[in-house]
């Protein structure tokens, strides 16, 4: 139980990668709280639940204040949204919404937890980025902008807080086998994705969760300011 006695907040923790992260942190002994967009969400067993729609800027401010008061030892910013569109057809409102959820909300939550982490002598922040924050492709401008931004923000943050014992990193997943991805793409679409990966398969949420748990745990004593890509080798071919 390497995280026994630690408290963790995982945003977007009711499904997919976020749920796997919450389950792993709880299995490692942490007292885990997850967020979802609506009241009455279904968190993993043994975790607490808080509702906040990060698209709502005012609600996010209130939520960040509540987070600051609770004093989490571990913060995992996983919640995110995406909308694919040709560059010339990107609606400014859609672009702004993606930045609000994927960049501004994580910034506010990082800012909220840092004072308490400093007081307690340290903490761990893991921001979930994406391979589309290291490379990109057509129609991903809004999402890539947000993920490049979260990477840059995390690097700057790490430089400021490392001396306080706070280690901040990004984890950048590639193609991951989630329920949402399967619903959108279908079996043939999943097979087509897998064919593009050198390992000839897509990743599993628990593989992302294992990396996050290690970065958030006591064995990580010197890694900070990094964006660790976990994609089966896709971005290197």
Protein backbone atom coordinates (compact mmCIF):
# COMPACT_ATOMS: atom_id res chain seq x y z
CA UNK A 1 0.00 0.00 0.00
CA UNK A 2 2.54 2.62 -1.13
CA UNK A 3 -0.02 5.45 -1.04
CA UNK A 4 -1.52 4.67 2.36
CA UNK A 5 -2.34 7.86 4.22
CA UNK A 6 -2.30 9.99 1.06
CA UNK A 7 -5.27 11.82 -0.42
CA UNK A 8 -5.78 12.07 -4.17
CA UNK A 9 -8.07 13.98 -6.53
CA UNK A 10 -8.65 12.56 -10.02
CA UNK A 11 -10.71 14.70 -12.37
CA UNK A 12 -12.86 12.91 -14.92
CA UNK A 13 -12.61 9.78 -12.82
CA UNK A 14 -15.89 8.03 -13.56
CA UNK A 15 -14.90 6.28 -16.78
CA UNK A 16 -12.07 5.40 -19.12
CA UNK A 17 -8.53 6.35 -18.23
CA UNK A 18 -9.60 8.48 -15.29
CA UNK A 19 -11.54 5.65 -13.70
CA UNK A 20 -8.59 3.27 -14.13
CA UNK A 21 -6.30 5.82 -12.48
CA UNK A 22 -8.67 6.28 -9.55
CA UNK A 23 -9.00 2.52 -9.09
CA UNK A 24 -5.23 2.05 -9.12
CA UNK A 25 -4.55 4.87 -6.66
CA UNK A 26 -7.23 3.49 -4.34
CA UNK A 27 -5.77 -0.02 -4.64
CA UNK A 28 -2.40 1.45 -3.66
CA UNK A 29 -3.96 2.80 -0.46
CA UNK A 30 -4.84 6.41 -1.30
CA UNK A 31 -8.04 8.07 -0.15
CA UNK A 32 -9.36 8.99 -3.61
CA UNK A 33 -11.92 11.56 -4.72
CA UNK A 34 -13.03 11.71 -8.35
CA UNK A 35 -14.95 14.33 -10.29
CA UNK A 36 -17.65 14.15 -12.91
CA UNK A 37 -19.68 16.80 -14.67
CA UNK A 38 -23.03 16.11 -13.03
CA UNK A 39 -24.36 15.40 -9.53
CA UNK A 40 -25.05 11.75 -8.87
CA UNK A 41 -22.13 10.37 -10.84
CA UNK A 42 -20.87 6.82 -10.35
CA UNK A 43 -17.32 6.79 -9.00
CA UNK A 44 -15.26 3.63 -8.63
CA UNK A 45 -16.05 1.63 -5.49
CA UNK A 46 -14.32 2.98 -2.42
CA UNK A 47 -13.86 6.50 -3.79
CA UNK A 48 -15.67 9.76 -3.10
CA UNK A 49 -17.38 11.86 -5.74
CA UNK A 50 -17.57 15.60 -6.43
CA UNK A 51 -19.41 17.22 -9.32
CA UNK A 52 -18.05 20.11 -11.35
CA UNK A 53 -18.59 21.04 -14.97
CA UNK A 54 -15.27 22.57 -15.95
CA UNK A 55 -16.93 24.26 -18.92
CA UNK A 56 -18.54 26.55 -16.33
CA UNK A 57 -15.79 29.04 -15.47
CA UNK A 58 -17.57 30.39 -12.38
CA UNK A 59 -18.25 26.89 -11.04
CA UNK A 60 -14.61 25.98 -11.61
CA UNK A 61 -13.49 28.92 -9.46
CA UNK A 62 -15.73 27.76 -6.61
CA UNK A 63 -14.59 24.17 -7.01
CA UNK A 64 -10.92 25.18 -6.94
CA UNK A 65 -11.50 27.02 -3.67
CA UNK A 66 -13.06 23.87 -2.21
CA UNK A 67 -10.10 21.80 -3.41
CA UNK A 68 -7.68 24.21 -1.77
CA UNK A 69 -9.48 23.79 1.54
CA UNK A 70 -9.34 19.98 1.38
CA UNK A 71 -5.58 19.69 1.01
CA UNK A 72 -4.93 16.88 -1.45
CA UNK A 73 -1.50 15.22 -1.57
CA UNK A 74 -1.93 14.02 -5.17
CA UNK A 75 -3.66 15.78 -8.06
CA UNK A 76 -4.36 14.07 -11.37
CA UNK A 77 -5.85 16.38 -13.98
CA UNK A 78 -7.47 13.92 -16.37
CA UNK A 79 -10.76 15.55 -17.41
CA UNK A 80 -10.75 16.76 -20.99
CA UNK A 81 -12.83 17.39 -24.08
CA UNK A 82 -12.17 17.36 -27.82
CA UNK A 83 -13.87 18.47 -31.00
CA UNK A 84 -12.39 17.64 -34.39
CA UNK A 85 -12.81 20.21 -37.18
CA UNK A 86 -10.95 21.54 -40.22
CA UNK A 87 -8.92 24.57 -39.17
CA UNK A 88 -10.93 27.03 -41.28
CA UNK A 89 -14.13 25.75 -39.70
CA UNK A 90 -13.13 25.90 -36.03
CA UNK A 91 -15.69 27.88 -34.08
CA UNK A 92 -13.96 30.29 -31.66
CA UNK A 93 -16.41 29.26 -28.95
CA UNK A 94 -15.47 25.60 -29.38
CA UNK A 95 -11.77 26.46 -29.30
CA UNK A 96 -12.26 28.47 -26.10
CA UNK A 97 -14.27 25.69 -24.48
CA UNK A 98 -11.53 23.13 -25.12
CA UNK A 99 -8.92 25.43 -23.60
CA UNK A 100 -11.18 26.10 -20.60
CA UNK A 101 -11.56 22.41 -19.75
CA UNK A 102 -8.16 21.12 -20.86
CA UNK A 103 -5.90 23.97 -19.73
CA UNK A 104 -7.58 26.58 -17.54
CA UNK A 105 -9.29 24.15 -15.16
CA UNK A 106 -6.08 22.14 -14.58
CA UNK A 107 -4.17 25.38 -14.02
CA UNK A 108 -6.65 26.46 -11.37
CA UNK A 109 -6.57 23.10 -9.62
CA UNK A 110 -2.77 23.03 -9.65
CA UNK A 111 -2.78 26.50 -8.16
CA UNK A 112 -5.29 25.38 -5.55
CA UNK A 113 -3.29 22.41 -4.24
CA UNK A 114 0.19 23.92 -4.22
CA UNK A 115 -0.02 25.95 -0.97
CA UNK A 116 -1.17 22.90 1.01
CA UNK A 117 1.45 20.68 -0.59
CA UNK A 118 4.12 23.19 0.35
CA UNK A 119 2.90 23.30 3.93
CA UNK A 120 2.99 19.51 4.19
CA UNK A 121 6.44 19.27 2.60
CA UNK A 122 5.58 17.93 -0.83
CA UNK A 123 3.06 16.44 -3.23
CA UNK A 124 2.56 15.01 -6.67
CA UNK A 125 0.81 16.50 -9.70
CA UNK A 126 0.19 14.46 -12.84
CA UNK A 127 -1.46 16.16 -15.80
CA UNK A 128 -2.84 13.91 -18.52
CA UNK A 129 -1.61 15.22 -21.85
CA UNK A 130 -1.68 13.34 -25.15
CA UNK A 131 0.47 12.28 -28.06
CA UNK A 132 -1.32 15.15 -29.83
CA UNK A 133 0.65 17.44 -27.54
CA UNK A 134 3.90 16.06 -28.98
CA UNK A 135 2.83 15.53 -32.60
CA UNK A 136 -0.38 16.47 -34.37
CA UNK A 137 -2.51 15.81 -37.41
CA UNK A 138 -5.21 17.42 -39.51
CA UNK A 139 -8.33 18.68 -37.73
CA UNK A 140 -6.73 18.47 -34.27
CA UNK A 141 -5.73 22.14 -33.90
CA UNK A 142 -7.97 22.92 -30.93
CA UNK A 143 -7.08 19.77 -29.01
CA UNK A 144 -3.38 19.89 -29.87
CA UNK A 145 -3.22 23.52 -28.77
CA UNK A 146 -4.58 22.50 -25.39
CA UNK A 147 -2.26 19.55 -24.95
CA UNK A 148 0.86 21.42 -26.03
CA UNK A 149 -0.24 24.07 -23.52
CA UNK A 150 -0.66 21.66 -20.61
CA UNK A 151 2.80 20.27 -21.31
CA UNK A 152 4.37 23.73 -21.30
CA UNK A 153 2.47 24.76 -18.20
CA UNK A 154 3.58 21.64 -16.36
CA UNK A 155 7.23 22.22 -17.21
CA UNK A 156 7.07 25.80 -15.88
CA UNK A 157 5.19 24.67 -12.79
CA UNK A 158 7.73 21.95 -12.06
CA UNK A 159 10.55 24.46 -12.20
CA UNK A 160 8.84 26.58 -9.55
CA UNK A 161 7.80 23.92 -7.05
CA UNK A 162 10.44 21.18 -7.22
CA UNK A 163 12.42 22.69 -4.35
CA UNK A 164 9.27 22.38 -2.21
CA UNK A 165 9.13 18.63 -2.77
CA UNK A 166 6.32 18.88 -5.32
CA UNK A 167 6.93 16.86 -8.47
CA UNK A 168 4.80 17.74 -11.51
CA UNK A 169 4.72 15.70 -14.70
CA UNK A 170 2.61 14.96 -17.75
CA UNK A 171 1.58 11.54 -18.98
CA UNK A 172 0.80 11.53 -22.70
CA UNK A 173 -1.26 8.51 -23.81
CA UNK A 174 -1.54 7.29 -27.35
CA UNK A 175 -4.42 5.14 -28.63
CA UNK A 176 -6.16 3.61 -25.62
CA UNK A 177 -8.88 0.97 -25.50
CA UNK A 178 -11.71 2.75 -23.70
CA UNK A 179 -15.43 2.16 -23.91
CA UNK A 180 -15.90 5.53 -25.58
CA UNK A 181 -13.27 4.81 -28.22
CA UNK A 182 -14.80 1.44 -29.04
CA UNK A 183 -18.27 2.97 -29.27
CA UNK A 184 -17.09 5.67 -31.66
CA UNK A 185 -14.81 3.56 -33.85
CA UNK A 186 -16.26 0.06 -33.69
CA UNK A 187 -14.24 -3.13 -33.92
CA UNK A 188 -12.84 -2.41 -37.39
CA UNK A 189 -11.80 1.08 -36.37
CA UNK A 190 -10.01 -0.31 -33.33
CA UNK A 191 -8.22 -2.84 -35.52
CA UNK A 192 -7.16 -0.07 -37.90
CA UNK A 193 -5.71 1.90 -34.97
CA UNK A 194 -3.84 -1.11 -33.66
CA UNK A 195 -2.26 -1.67 -37.06
CA UNK A 196 -0.61 1.76 -36.85
CA UNK A 197 1.14 0.98 -33.55
CA UNK A 198 4.50 -0.86 -33.59
CA UNK A 199 3.23 -3.15 -30.81
CA UNK A 200 0.19 -3.94 -33.01
CA UNK A 201 -2.29 -3.22 -30.26
CA UNK A 202 -3.82 -0.23 -28.54
CA UNK A 203 -3.03 0.51 -24.93
CA UNK A 204 -5.12 -0.37 -21.92
CA UNK A 205 -6.34 2.16 -19.34
CA UNK A 206 -4.64 0.18 -16.58
CA UNK A 207 -1.29 0.71 -18.32
CA UNK A 208 -1.75 4.47 -18.12
CA UNK A 209 -2.90 4.11 -14.52
CA UNK A 210 0.22 2.16 -13.59
CA UNK A 211 2.48 4.93 -14.87
CA UNK A 212 0.45 7.63 -13.12
CA UNK A 213 0.53 5.68 -9.86
CA UNK A 214 4.30 5.33 -10.06
CA UNK A 215 4.79 9.03 -10.73
CA UNK A 216 2.47 9.85 -7.81
CA UNK A 217 4.08 7.35 -5.47
CA UNK A 218 7.08 7.25 -3.15
CA UNK A 219 9.38 5.56 -5.68
CA UNK A 220 9.37 8.71 -7.79
CA UNK A 221 11.86 10.95 -6.06
CA UNK A 222 13.58 12.76 -8.95
CA UNK A 223 11.37 12.88 -12.05
CA UNK A 224 9.71 16.24 -12.57
CA UNK A 225 8.89 18.53 -15.46
CA UNK A 226 8.63 15.64 -17.91
CA UNK A 227 6.04 14.60 -20.47
CA UNK A 228 6.16 10.82 -20.65
CA UNK A 229 4.63 9.38 -23.81
CA UNK A 230 3.00 5.97 -23.45
CA UNK A 231 1.90 4.91 -26.92
CA UNK A 232 3.47 1.58 -27.88
CA UNK A 233 6.06 3.41 -29.98
CA UNK A 234 3.57 5.18 -32.28
CA UNK A 235 5.12 8.66 -32.16
CA UNK A 236 8.55 7.31 -33.10
CA UNK A 237 7.57 5.73 -36.41
